[in-house]
Amino acid sequence: ALRRAARRIGGSLHTFRTALDPHWADQLRGELAWLTGILAREHAYANRLARLVDALHLLSGPTLPAARGARAA
């Protein structure tokens, strides 16, 4: 939601640039672009982590039951 909001604000600053102080609008758009990039990477990392955890669970397989008649040490 924050990433989408930053992109929308940046778009609005671009649209209404002539009504605003151009230097201020461009500077803020640069900061919003940086924030959007950081948030996009975080989103990608979270997706990658979820895929890796799922793959790890698939590779580890079901847990093995304790052998019958096994004595506890």
N, C-alpha and C. Protein backbone atom coordinates (compact mmCIF):
# COMPACT_ATOMS: atom_id res chain seq x y z
N ALA A 1 0.81 -1.18 0.00
CA ALA A 1 0.00 0.00 0.00
C ALA A 1 0.87 1.27 0.00
N LEU A 2 1.96 1.22 0.76
CA LEU A 2 2.84 2.39 0.82
C LEU A 2 3.54 2.61 -0.51
N ARG A 3 3.94 1.52 -1.14
CA ARG A 3 4.61 1.63 -2.45
C ARG A 3 3.66 2.24 -3.48
N ARG A 4 2.43 1.78 -3.48
CA ARG A 4 1.43 2.31 -4.42
C ARG A 4 1.16 3.79 -4.15
N ALA A 5 1.08 4.16 -2.88
CA ALA A 5 0.83 5.56 -2.52
C ALA A 5 1.99 6.44 -2.97
N ALA A 6 3.22 5.97 -2.79
CA ALA A 6 4.38 6.76 -3.21
C ALA A 6 4.38 6.95 -4.73
N ARG A 7 4.01 5.92 -5.46
CA ARG A 7 3.95 6.05 -6.92
C ARG A 7 2.86 7.03 -7.35
N ARG A 8 1.72 6.98 -6.67
CA ARG A 8 0.62 7.89 -7.02
C ARG A 8 0.98 9.34 -6.71
N ILE A 9 1.62 9.56 -5.58
CA ILE A 9 2.04 10.92 -5.23
C ILE A 9 3.05 11.43 -6.24
N GLY A 10 4.00 10.56 -6.63
CA GLY A 10 4.98 10.95 -7.65
C GLY A 10 4.32 11.31 -8.97
N GLY A 11 3.31 10.53 -9.35
CA GLY A 11 2.57 10.84 -10.57
C GLY A 11 1.81 12.15 -10.48
N SER A 12 1.24 12.41 -9.33
CA SER A 12 0.53 13.68 -9.13
C SER A 12 1.49 14.86 -9.18
N LEU A 13 2.66 14.69 -8.60
CA LEU A 13 3.66 15.76 -8.65
C LEU A 13 4.09 16.04 -10.10
N HIS A 14 4.18 14.98 -10.89
CA HIS A 14 4.54 15.16 -12.30
C HIS A 14 3.41 15.88 -13.04
N THR A 15 2.17 15.48 -12.78
CA THR A 15 1.02 16.07 -13.45
C THR A 15 0.87 17.55 -13.13
N PHE A 16 1.01 17.89 -11.87
CA PHE A 16 0.78 19.27 -11.42
C PHE A 16 2.08 20.04 -11.21
N ARG A 17 3.13 19.62 -11.89
CA ARG A 17 4.45 20.25 -11.72
C ARG A 17 4.42 21.74 -12.02
N THR A 18 3.66 22.14 -13.02
CA THR A 18 3.61 23.55 -13.39
C THR A 18 2.92 24.40 -12.33
N ALA A 19 2.04 23.80 -11.55
CA ALA A 19 1.34 24.55 -10.50
C ALA A 19 2.15 24.60 -9.20
N LEU A 20 3.21 23.81 -9.13
CA LEU A 20 4.04 23.73 -7.93
C LEU A 20 5.41 24.32 -8.20
N ASP A 21 6.20 24.43 -7.17
CA ASP A 21 7.59 24.83 -7.33
C ASP A 21 8.31 23.67 -8.02
N PRO A 22 8.79 23.85 -9.25
CA PRO A 22 9.38 22.73 -9.99
C PRO A 22 10.57 22.09 -9.28
N HIS A 23 11.41 22.89 -8.66
CA HIS A 23 12.57 22.33 -7.95
C HIS A 23 12.12 21.43 -6.80
N TRP A 24 11.17 21.91 -6.03
CA TRP A 24 10.65 21.13 -4.91
C TRP A 24 9.99 19.84 -5.40
N ALA A 25 9.16 19.95 -6.45
CA ALA A 25 8.45 18.79 -6.97
C ALA A 25 9.42 17.74 -7.50
N ASP A 26 10.45 18.18 -8.24
CA ASP A 26 11.42 17.24 -8.78
C ASP A 26 12.22 16.56 -7.67
N GLN A 27 12.58 17.33 -6.66
CA GLN A 27 13.33 16.76 -5.54
C GLN A 27 12.49 15.72 -4.80
N LEU A 28 11.24 16.03 -4.56
CA LEU A 28 10.36 15.10 -3.87
C LEU A 28 10.08 13.86 -4.73
N ARG A 29 9.93 14.05 -6.02
CA ARG A 29 9.73 12.90 -6.92
C ARG A 29 10.93 11.96 -6.88
N GLY A 30 12.13 12.53 -6.80
CA GLY A 30 13.33 11.70 -6.68
C GLY A 30 13.34 10.87 -5.40
N GLU A 31 12.95 11.50 -4.31
CA GLU A 31 12.88 10.78 -3.03
C GLU A 31 11.81 9.69 -3.08
N LEU A 32 10.67 10.00 -3.68
CA LEU A 32 9.60 9.01 -3.79
C LEU A 32 10.01 7.85 -4.69
N ALA A 33 10.77 8.13 -5.74
CA ALA A 33 11.25 7.07 -6.62
C ALA A 33 12.21 6.15 -5.85
N TRP A 34 13.07 6.75 -5.03
CA TRP A 34 13.98 5.95 -4.20
C TRP A 34 13.19 5.05 -3.25
N LEU A 35 12.19 5.63 -2.58
CA LEU A 35 11.36 4.86 -1.64
C LEU A 35 10.63 3.74 -2.35
N THR A 36 10.10 4.01 -3.52
CA THR A 36 9.40 2.99 -4.29
C THR A 36 10.34 1.84 -4.64
N GLY A 37 11.57 2.17 -5.02
CA GLY A 37 12.54 1.13 -5.34
C GLY A 37 12.88 0.27 -4.14
N ILE A 38 13.07 0.89 -2.99
CA ILE A 38 13.36 0.14 -1.76
C ILE A 38 12.20 -0.78 -1.41
N LEU A 39 10.99 -0.27 -1.50
CA LEU A 39 9.82 -1.08 -1.16
C LEU A 39 9.61 -2.21 -2.17
N ALA A 40 9.95 -1.98 -3.42
CA ALA A 40 9.83 -3.03 -4.44
C ALA A 40 10.82 -4.16 -4.14
N ARG A 41 12.03 -3.80 -3.75
CA ARG A 41 13.02 -4.84 -3.40
C ARG A 41 12.57 -5.64 -2.18
N GLU A 42 12.01 -4.96 -1.19
CA GLU A 42 11.54 -5.66 0.01
C GLU A 42 10.44 -6.64 -0.36
N HIS A 43 9.54 -6.23 -1.23
CA HIS A 43 8.46 -7.10 -1.69
C HIS A 43 9.03 -8.32 -2.41
N ALA A 44 10.02 -8.10 -3.27
CA ALA A 44 10.64 -9.21 -4.00
C ALA A 44 11.36 -10.16 -3.04
N TYR A 45 12.05 -9.61 -2.04
CA TYR A 45 12.74 -10.45 -1.06
C TYR A 45 11.75 -11.28 -0.24
N ALA A 46 10.63 -10.70 0.13
CA ALA A 46 9.62 -11.45 0.89
C ALA A 46 9.05 -12.59 0.05
N ASN A 47 8.80 -12.34 -1.23
CA ASN A 47 8.31 -13.40 -2.11
C ASN A 47 9.35 -14.50 -2.28
N ARG A 48 10.60 -14.11 -2.43
CA ARG A 48 11.67 -15.09 -2.59
C ARG A 48 11.80 -15.94 -1.33
N LEU A 49 11.72 -15.31 -0.17
CA LEU A 49 11.80 -16.05 1.09
C LEU A 49 10.67 -17.06 1.19
N ALA A 50 9.47 -16.66 0.83
CA ALA A 50 8.33 -17.59 0.89
C ALA A 50 8.54 -18.77 -0.04
N ARG A 51 9.05 -18.53 -1.24
CA ARG A 51 9.32 -19.63 -2.17
C ARG A 51 10.41 -20.55 -1.64
N LEU A 52 11.46 -19.98 -1.04
CA LEU A 52 12.54 -20.81 -0.50
C LEU A 52 12.08 -21.65 0.68
N VAL A 53 11.27 -21.09 1.54
CA VAL A 53 10.75 -21.85 2.68
C VAL A 53 9.85 -22.98 2.19
N ASP A 54 9.01 -22.71 1.20
CA ASP A 54 8.16 -23.76 0.64
C ASP A 54 9.01 -24.87 0.02
N ALA A 55 10.06 -24.50 -0.71
CA ALA A 55 10.94 -25.50 -1.31
C ALA A 55 11.65 -26.31 -0.24
N LEU A 56 12.06 -25.67 0.83
CA LEU A 56 12.72 -26.38 1.92
C LEU A 56 11.79 -27.41 2.55
N HIS A 57 10.53 -27.04 2.73
CA HIS A 57 9.56 -27.98 3.28
C HIS A 57 9.34 -29.16 2.34
N LEU A 58 9.33 -28.90 1.04
CA LEU A 58 9.16 -29.99 0.07
C LEU A 58 10.37 -30.92 0.09
N LEU A 59 11.56 -30.36 0.19
CA LEU A 59 12.78 -31.17 0.19
C LEU A 59 12.94 -31.98 1.47
N SER A 60 12.51 -31.43 2.58
CA SER A 60 12.70 -32.13 3.85
C SER A 60 11.72 -33.29 4.01
N GLY A 61 10.62 -33.26 3.30
CA GLY A 61 9.66 -34.36 3.34
C GLY A 61 8.95 -34.46 4.67
N PRO A 62 8.11 -35.49 4.78
CA PRO A 62 7.39 -35.66 6.05
C PRO A 62 8.34 -36.12 7.14
N THR A 63 8.00 -35.81 8.36
CA THR A 63 8.84 -36.25 9.47
C THR A 63 8.66 -37.74 9.67
N LEU A 64 9.71 -38.42 10.06
CA LEU A 64 9.67 -39.86 10.25
C LEU A 64 9.12 -40.18 11.63
N PRO A 65 8.23 -41.16 11.71
CA PRO A 65 7.72 -41.55 13.03
C PRO A 65 8.80 -42.30 13.80
N ALA A 66 8.69 -42.31 15.10
CA ALA A 66 9.65 -43.04 15.93
C ALA A 66 9.50 -44.53 15.67
N ALA A 67 10.62 -45.23 15.66
CA ALA A 67 10.61 -46.68 15.41
C ALA A 67 9.88 -47.39 16.55
N ARG A 68 9.13 -48.42 16.21
CA ARG A 68 8.40 -49.18 17.24
C ARG A 68 9.39 -49.99 18.07
N GLY A 69 9.14 -49.99 19.33
CA GLY A 69 9.98 -50.79 20.23
C GLY A 69 11.32 -50.15 20.52
N ALA A 70 11.53 -48.94 20.05
CA ALA A 70 12.81 -48.27 20.32
C ALA A 70 12.83 -47.84 21.77
N ARG A 71 13.95 -48.05 22.40
CA ARG A 71 14.10 -47.66 23.79
C ARG A 71 14.70 -46.28 23.87
N ALA A 72 14.17 -45.51 24.78
CA ALA A 72 14.72 -44.17 25.00
C ALA A 72 16.06 -44.30 25.70
N ALA A 73 17.01 -43.54 25.28
CA ALA A 73 18.35 -43.63 25.88
C ALA A 73 18.44 -42.90 27.18
